[in-house]
Every structure is written in C-alpha cells, then in structure tokens.
Amino acid sequence: MASKTNWGKNLGDDLREGKVTLPLIIAIERANTQDAQFLRQTIEQPDSNHLDHALDRVKQIIQSTKALDATHDLAAHEAQRACAALDHFEPSDFLLALRQLADQSIQRKS
C-alpha cells in the first residue's frame, strides 16, 4: 500500500467525507465497468468498515488507470495557462510570486 506521502494526502479522508477528487473522476472514466462501479459505490457509501478494506483496491484502480499522471498533467497545463496569462503584465515582485505559486502548485507532494 502506498504511504500517505506518496499519495499526496490521505485518500481515505476524502472518501470518508464523500469528496470526489479529480483522480477519482479520471479513474472512473478510464476504468472498466466493474472497477468504475466499485469506485462509485465506495464514494457514495463511505462506510468506514468497507473503506478500510476498499482503499487498496481504490489505489490499485487509480494506479492502473494512470489517473494520478493525468491529474498532474492537467494541473501542469493549467499552471502553464496561468503563467501565460501573466505575460501581459509588467515584471514585478508580485508577478514573480504568482509564477512561483503556479510552479509550486504542481510540485507539491502533500
């Protein structure tokens, strides 16, 4: 099982709270019918007992669908778009800080 650090934040907490994150959405879109249904059920019925046993399978589905890679790629694309939008402004410390924030947002691990 991946550690909390490898997954960025605690996936179990999001599922318990019924939060549907982008990696879960992508995994559902890319998964086979059985795995997609399992993910939907896990999200819709976040029973703690079920969740404790389901996390390994949820992580496996996310990995097999490459949902984390797709999420990172999308975040990088959006960060690039944000930086491109900043090109219209005069250079300043504030502009530099915004560019750094965009860069850090895709480098973040937790």
C-alpha atoms as a PDB file:
ATOM      1  CA  MET A   1       0.000   0.000   0.000  1.00  0.00           C
ATOM      2  CA  ALA A   2       1.274   3.461  -0.856  1.00  0.00           C
ATOM      3  CA  SER A   3       2.163   5.691   2.025  1.00  0.00           C
ATOM      4  CA  LYS A   4       0.302   8.905   2.819  1.00  0.00           C
ATOM      5  CA  THR A   5       3.267  10.851   1.422  1.00  0.00           C
ATOM      6  CA  ASN A   6       3.223   9.015  -1.913  1.00  0.00           C
ATOM      7  CA  TRP A   7      -0.458   9.758  -2.380  1.00  0.00           C
ATOM      8  CA  GLY A   8      -0.103  13.443  -1.502  1.00  0.00           C
ATOM      9  CA  LYS A   9      -2.788  13.416   1.145  1.00  0.00           C
ATOM     10  CA  ASN A  10      -4.909  10.848   2.838  1.00  0.00           C
ATOM     11  CA  LEU A  11      -7.194   9.331   0.223  1.00  0.00           C
ATOM     12  CA  GLY A  12      -9.239   7.643   2.937  1.00  0.00           C
ATOM     13  CA  ASP A  13     -10.159  11.006   4.480  1.00  0.00           C
ATOM     14  CA  ASP A  14     -11.511  12.285   1.165  1.00  0.00           C
ATOM     15  CA  LEU A  15     -13.550   9.129   0.646  1.00  0.00           C
ATOM     16  CA  ARG A  16     -14.931   9.179   4.198  1.00  0.00           C
ATOM     17  CA  GLU A  17     -16.043  12.770   3.622  1.00  0.00           C
ATOM     18  CA  GLY A  18     -17.612  11.874   0.267  1.00  0.00           C
ATOM     19  CA  LYS A  19     -15.234  14.143  -1.647  1.00  0.00           C
ATOM     20  CA  VAL A  20     -14.879  13.284  -5.301  1.00  0.00           C
ATOM     21  CA  THR A  21     -11.391  14.311  -6.375  1.00  0.00           C
ATOM     22  CA  LEU A  22     -10.052  14.634  -9.912  1.00  0.00           C
ATOM     23  CA  PRO A  23      -8.013  11.397  -9.697  1.00  0.00           C
ATOM     24  CA  LEU A  24     -11.202   9.541  -8.735  1.00  0.00           C
ATOM     25  CA  ILE A  25     -13.157  11.141 -11.576  1.00  0.00           C
ATOM     26  CA  ILE A  26     -10.481  10.213 -14.103  1.00  0.00           C
ATOM     27  CA  ALA A  27     -10.208   6.686 -12.695  1.00  0.00           C
ATOM     28  CA  ILE A  28     -13.973   6.209 -13.033  1.00  0.00           C
ATOM     29  CA  GLU A  29     -13.865   7.460 -16.623  1.00  0.00           C
ATOM     30  CA  ARG A  30     -10.968   5.174 -17.563  1.00  0.00           C
ATOM     31  CA  ALA A  31     -11.764   2.060 -15.512  1.00  0.00           C
ATOM     32  CA  ASN A  32     -13.606  -0.988 -16.738  1.00  0.00           C
ATOM     33  CA  THR A  33     -17.277  -1.204 -15.819  1.00  0.00           C
ATOM     34  CA  GLN A  34     -16.725  -3.321 -12.697  1.00  0.00           C
ATOM     35  CA  ASP A  35     -13.974  -1.110 -11.287  1.00  0.00           C
ATOM     36  CA  ALA A  36     -15.880   2.083 -12.109  1.00  0.00           C
ATOM     37  CA  GLN A  37     -18.933   0.742 -10.270  1.00  0.00           C
ATOM     38  CA  PHE A  38     -16.753  -0.203  -7.291  1.00  0.00           C
ATOM     39  CA  LEU A  39     -15.362   3.345  -7.143  1.00  0.00           C
ATOM     40  CA  ARG A  40     -18.831   4.885  -7.384  1.00  0.00           C
ATOM     41  CA  GLN A  41     -20.120   2.639  -4.608  1.00  0.00           C
ATOM     42  CA  THR A  42     -17.142   3.445  -2.402  1.00  0.00           C
ATOM     43  CA  ILE A  43     -17.693   7.178  -2.907  1.00  0.00           C
ATOM     44  CA  GLU A  44     -21.466   7.037  -2.432  1.00  0.00           C
ATOM     45  CA  GLN A  45     -21.383   4.765   0.629  1.00  0.00           C
ATOM     46  CA  PRO A  46     -18.302   5.723   2.636  1.00  0.00           C
ATOM     47  CA  ASP A  47     -18.847   3.083   5.337  1.00  0.00           C
ATOM     48  CA  SER A  48     -15.698   3.107   7.490  1.00  0.00           C
ATOM     49  CA  ASN A  49     -15.569  -0.688   7.742  1.00  0.00           C
ATOM     50  CA  HIS A  50     -15.900  -1.080   3.974  1.00  0.00           C
ATOM     51  CA  LEU A  51     -13.462   1.758   3.348  1.00  0.00           C
ATOM     52  CA  ASP A  52     -10.690   0.174   5.386  1.00  0.00           C
ATOM     53  CA  HIS A  53     -10.827  -2.864   3.088  1.00  0.00           C
ATOM     54  CA  ALA A  54     -11.526  -0.893  -0.092  1.00  0.00           C
ATOM     55  CA  LEU A  55      -8.569   1.510  -0.030  1.00  0.00           C
ATOM     56  CA  ASP A  56      -6.069  -0.922  -1.504  1.00  0.00           C
ATOM     57  CA  ARG A  57      -8.394  -1.646  -4.428  1.00  0.00           C
ATOM     58  CA  VAL A  58      -9.184   2.052  -4.909  1.00  0.00           C
ATOM     59  CA  LYS A  59      -5.466   2.829  -5.056  1.00  0.00           C
ATOM     60  CA  GLN A  60      -4.869  -0.051  -7.464  1.00  0.00           C
ATOM     61  CA  ILE A  61      -7.600   1.234  -9.790  1.00  0.00           C
ATOM     62  CA  ILE A  62      -6.195   4.764  -9.642  1.00  0.00           C
ATOM     63  CA  GLN A  63      -2.746   3.404 -10.480  1.00  0.00           C
ATOM     64  CA  SER A  64      -3.900   1.103 -13.277  1.00  0.00           C
ATOM     65  CA  THR A  65      -5.840   3.918 -14.957  1.00  0.00           C
ATOM     66  CA  LYS A  66      -2.892   6.311 -14.567  1.00  0.00           C
ATOM     67  CA  ALA A  67      -5.299   8.805 -13.028  1.00  0.00           C
ATOM     68  CA  LEU A  68      -2.598  10.491 -10.930  1.00  0.00           C
ATOM     69  CA  ASP A  69      -0.437  11.071 -14.005  1.00  0.00           C
ATOM     70  CA  ALA A  70      -3.410  12.549 -15.849  1.00  0.00           C
ATOM     71  CA  THR A  71      -4.225  14.769 -12.870  1.00  0.00           C
ATOM     72  CA  HIS A  72      -0.649  16.038 -12.708  1.00  0.00           C
ATOM     73  CA  ASP A  73      -0.606  16.663 -16.473  1.00  0.00           C
ATOM     74  CA  LEU A  74      -3.815  18.658 -16.236  1.00  0.00           C
ATOM     75  CA  ALA A  75      -2.501  20.676 -13.287  1.00  0.00           C
ATOM     76  CA  ALA A  76       0.724  21.412 -15.198  1.00  0.00           C
ATOM     77  CA  HIS A  77      -1.285  22.529 -18.221  1.00  0.00           C
ATOM     78  CA  GLU A  78      -3.408  24.862 -16.097  1.00  0.00           C
ATOM     79  CA  ALA A  79      -0.309  26.265 -14.368  1.00  0.00           C
ATOM     80  CA  GLN A  80       1.192  26.979 -17.804  1.00  0.00           C
ATOM     81  CA  ARG A  81      -2.024  28.732 -18.851  1.00  0.00           C
ATOM     82  CA  ALA A  82      -1.919  30.818 -15.675  1.00  0.00           C
ATOM     83  CA  CYS A  83       1.681  31.836 -16.326  1.00  0.00           C
ATOM     84  CA  ALA A  84       0.863  32.682 -19.947  1.00  0.00           C
ATOM     85  CA  ALA A  85      -1.915  34.970 -18.723  1.00  0.00           C
ATOM     86  CA  LEU A  86       0.654  36.780 -16.582  1.00  0.00           C
ATOM     87  CA  ASP A  87       2.743  37.620 -19.664  1.00  0.00           C
ATOM     88  CA  HIS A  88       0.551  40.675 -20.248  1.00  0.00           C
ATOM     89  CA  PHE A  89       1.719  42.384 -17.061  1.00  0.00           C
ATOM     90  CA  GLU A  90       4.854  44.358 -16.294  1.00  0.00           C
ATOM     91  CA  PRO A  91       7.508  42.421 -14.354  1.00  0.00           C
ATOM     92  CA  SER A  92       7.272  42.864 -10.592  1.00  0.00           C
ATOM     93  CA  ASP A  93       7.846  41.017  -7.350  1.00  0.00           C
ATOM     94  CA  PHE A  94       4.139  40.223  -7.244  1.00  0.00           C
ATOM     95  CA  LEU A  95       4.239  38.729 -10.727  1.00  0.00           C
ATOM     96  CA  LEU A  96       7.253  36.634  -9.799  1.00  0.00           C
ATOM     97  CA  ALA A  97       5.424  35.396  -6.693  1.00  0.00           C
ATOM     98  CA  LEU A  98       2.407  34.364  -8.789  1.00  0.00           C
ATOM     99  CA  ARG A  99       4.645  32.454 -11.212  1.00  0.00           C
ATOM    100  CA  GLN A 100       6.364  30.709  -8.314  1.00  0.00           C
ATOM    101  CA  LEU A 101       3.000  29.824  -6.811  1.00  0.00           C
ATOM    102  CA  ALA A 102       1.890  28.240 -10.093  1.00  0.00           C
ATOM    103  CA  ASP A 103       5.131  26.249 -10.259  1.00  0.00           C
ATOM    104  CA  GLN A 104       4.919  25.144  -6.626  1.00  0.00           C
ATOM    105  CA  SER A 105       1.332  24.034  -7.040  1.00  0.00           C
ATOM    106  CA  ILE A 106       2.387  21.262  -9.412  1.00  0.00           C
ATOM    107  CA  GLN A 107       5.489  20.329  -7.416  1.00  0.00           C
ATOM    108  CA  ARG A 108       3.540  19.833  -4.177  1.00  0.00           C
ATOM    109  CA  LYS A 109       3.583  16.328  -2.693  1.00  0.00           C
ATOM    110  CA  SER A 110       1.391  16.864   0.361  1.00  0.00           C
END
